[in-house]
Structures are given as structure tokens and as C-alpha cells.
Amino acid sequence: MLGSVVDLMTLRAIYDDQLRTDAEVRSAVHVDRIGALLLAEMTGTRGFITYRDLGPEPTAQSVRELVAHASAWIAAHPDLTEVE
């Protein structure tokens, strides 16, 4: 059983390394980094926010701060009509 758990954790790490963050915003027109977040302006009126991880022990306060920063970033880009 332990072997399958380790295998799942390894697969998740490989997935995150290959498909999260930079790979997700490769086609972005512009990318800003705020802490752990990547905030991307895509073509047209789309935005995209992603992160690799929030660190070893994210707190409720640190997550609230990231949400506030992301909300401010969205508000500063009124041309974006859809943010994922």
C-alpha cells in the first residue's frame, strides 16, 4: 500500500512540475508574479491565475492576502471580462 501512495505522490509532483505555472501561461500576453501566484493576461479579454503551491504551511491569513492581491490585480485590469 505504501508503494502506491509514494507512486501517486511522485506522479503528482511530476504533473505539477510539467503542467503548472509557466506551462499554463506560456501563451499569455503578459504575466505578473505576486507571491506564489502567476497572474496572466491572455489574448482577448481573458485572465488566468495559477500557482505551483502555497508553501509548506499556508495560513488562512496568507491565503486571504493572496486572494486580496489577486482581486486587486483583476480590478486593475478592467479589460478582462473572464478570469479563471
C-alpha atoms as a PDB file:
ATOM      1  CA  MET A   1       0.000   0.000   0.000  1.00  0.00           C
ATOM      2  CA  LEU A   2       2.785   2.427   0.864  1.00  0.00           C
ATOM      3  CA  GLY A   3       4.329   1.899  -2.574  1.00  0.00           C
ATOM      4  CA  SER A   4       1.154   3.032  -4.320  1.00  0.00           C
ATOM      5  CA  VAL A   5       0.946   6.156  -2.142  1.00  0.00           C
ATOM      6  CA  VAL A   6       4.530   7.070  -2.954  1.00  0.00           C
ATOM      7  CA  ASP A   7       3.853   6.439  -6.631  1.00  0.00           C
ATOM      8  CA  LEU A   8       0.820   8.758  -6.543  1.00  0.00           C
ATOM      9  CA  MET A   9       2.824  11.459  -4.778  1.00  0.00           C
ATOM     10  CA  THR A  10       5.619  11.110  -7.327  1.00  0.00           C
ATOM     11  CA  LEU A  11       3.176  11.296 -10.221  1.00  0.00           C
ATOM     12  CA  ARG A  12       1.537  14.389  -8.728  1.00  0.00           C
ATOM     13  CA  ALA A  13       4.924  16.091  -8.364  1.00  0.00           C
ATOM     14  CA  ILE A  14       5.807  15.277 -11.975  1.00  0.00           C
ATOM     15  CA  TYR A  15       2.437  16.613 -13.142  1.00  0.00           C
ATOM     16  CA  ASP A  16       2.860  19.814 -11.155  1.00  0.00           C
ATOM     17  CA  ASP A  17       6.410  20.326 -12.424  1.00  0.00           C
ATOM     18  CA  GLN A  18       5.414  19.898 -16.055  1.00  0.00           C
ATOM     19  CA  LEU A  19       1.957  21.400 -16.268  1.00  0.00           C
ATOM     20  CA  ARG A  20       1.555  24.010 -13.574  1.00  0.00           C
ATOM     21  CA  THR A  21       2.618  27.659 -13.569  1.00  0.00           C
ATOM     22  CA  ASP A  22       4.887  28.508 -16.508  1.00  0.00           C
ATOM     23  CA  ALA A  23       3.394  25.900 -18.840  1.00  0.00           C
ATOM     24  CA  GLU A  24      -0.113  27.180 -18.097  1.00  0.00           C
ATOM     25  CA  VAL A  25       0.716  30.778 -19.014  1.00  0.00           C
ATOM     26  CA  ARG A  26       3.064  30.149 -21.940  1.00  0.00           C
ATOM     27  CA  SER A  27       0.661  31.804 -24.401  1.00  0.00           C
ATOM     28  CA  ALA A  28      -0.031  34.814 -22.161  1.00  0.00           C
ATOM     29  CA  VAL A  29       0.398  38.343 -23.440  1.00  0.00           C
ATOM     30  CA  HIS A  30       1.727  39.467 -20.037  1.00  0.00           C
ATOM     31  CA  VAL A  31       2.385  37.723 -16.707  1.00  0.00           C
ATOM     32  CA  ASP A  32       2.751  39.255 -13.242  1.00  0.00           C
ATOM     33  CA  ARG A  33       4.007  37.363 -10.206  1.00  0.00           C
ATOM     34  CA  ILE A  34       2.587  38.162  -6.773  1.00  0.00           C
ATOM     35  CA  GLY A  35       3.999  35.846  -4.137  1.00  0.00           C
ATOM     36  CA  ALA A  36       3.137  32.295  -5.168  1.00  0.00           C
ATOM     37  CA  LEU A  37       0.670  33.468  -7.817  1.00  0.00           C
ATOM     38  CA  LEU A  38       1.154  33.915 -11.537  1.00  0.00           C
ATOM     39  CA  LEU A  39      -1.458  36.305 -12.929  1.00  0.00           C
ATOM     40  CA  ALA A  40      -1.698  36.224 -16.703  1.00  0.00           C
ATOM     41  CA  GLU A  41      -3.356  38.404 -19.282  1.00  0.00           C
ATOM     42  CA  MET A  42      -4.293  36.102 -22.134  1.00  0.00           C
ATOM     43  CA  THR A  43      -5.357  37.158 -25.617  1.00  0.00           C
ATOM     44  CA  GLY A  44      -8.665  38.950 -25.865  1.00  0.00           C
ATOM     45  CA  THR A  45     -10.374  39.639 -22.567  1.00  0.00           C
ATOM     46  CA  ARG A  46      -9.309  36.562 -20.604  1.00  0.00           C
ATOM     47  CA  GLY A  47      -7.173  36.333 -17.494  1.00  0.00           C
ATOM     48  CA  PHE A  48      -5.716  33.326 -15.751  1.00  0.00           C
ATOM     49  CA  ILE A  49      -4.367  32.890 -12.216  1.00  0.00           C
ATOM     50  CA  THR A  50      -2.319  29.871 -11.167  1.00  0.00           C
ATOM     51  CA  TYR A  51       0.209  28.751  -8.580  1.00  0.00           C
ATOM     52  CA  ARG A  52       2.580  25.840  -8.086  1.00  0.00           C
ATOM     53  CA  ASP A  53       1.996  25.579  -4.347  1.00  0.00           C
ATOM     54  CA  LEU A  54       1.368  27.862  -1.402  1.00  0.00           C
ATOM     55  CA  GLY A  55       4.367  26.725   0.602  1.00  0.00           C
ATOM     56  CA  PRO A  56       4.768  24.071   3.269  1.00  0.00           C
ATOM     57  CA  GLU A  57       2.276  25.552   5.744  1.00  0.00           C
ATOM     58  CA  PRO A  58      -0.017  28.212   4.282  1.00  0.00           C
ATOM     59  CA  THR A  59      -2.115  30.016   6.845  1.00  0.00           C
ATOM     60  CA  ALA A  60      -5.628  31.320   6.476  1.00  0.00           C
ATOM     61  CA  GLN A  61      -4.183  34.826   6.677  1.00  0.00           C
ATOM     62  CA  SER A  62      -1.616  34.226   3.912  1.00  0.00           C
ATOM     63  CA  VAL A  63      -4.328  32.789   1.643  1.00  0.00           C
ATOM     64  CA  ARG A  64      -6.586  35.798   2.367  1.00  0.00           C
ATOM     65  CA  GLU A  65      -3.703  38.100   1.426  1.00  0.00           C
ATOM     66  CA  LEU A  66      -3.154  36.282  -1.877  1.00  0.00           C
ATOM     67  CA  VAL A  67      -6.867  36.498  -2.656  1.00  0.00           C
ATOM     68  CA  ALA A  68      -6.793  40.239  -1.880  1.00  0.00           C
ATOM     69  CA  HIS A  69      -3.778  40.719  -4.171  1.00  0.00           C
ATOM     70  CA  ALA A  70      -5.442  38.713  -6.942  1.00  0.00           C
ATOM     71  CA  SER A  71      -8.666  40.721  -6.552  1.00  0.00           C
ATOM     72  CA  ALA A  72      -6.719  43.988  -6.758  1.00  0.00           C
ATOM     73  CA  TRP A  73      -4.899  42.737  -9.868  1.00  0.00           C
ATOM     74  CA  ILE A  74      -8.225  41.874 -11.519  1.00  0.00           C
ATOM     75  CA  ALA A  75      -9.656  45.286 -10.596  1.00  0.00           C
ATOM     76  CA  ALA A  76      -6.583  46.959 -12.141  1.00  0.00           C
ATOM     77  CA  HIS A  77      -7.325  45.172 -15.446  1.00  0.00           C
ATOM     78  CA  PRO A  78     -10.890  46.266 -16.303  1.00  0.00           C
ATOM     79  CA  ASP A  79     -10.470  44.982 -19.861  1.00  0.00           C
ATOM     80  CA  LEU A  80     -10.543  41.415 -18.529  1.00  0.00           C
ATOM     81  CA  THR A  81     -14.071  40.060 -18.612  1.00  0.00           C
ATOM     82  CA  GLU A  82     -13.270  36.471 -17.634  1.00  0.00           C
ATOM     83  CA  VAL A  83     -10.626  35.274 -15.176  1.00  0.00           C
ATOM     84  CA  GLU A  84     -10.046  31.618 -14.473  1.00  0.00           C
END
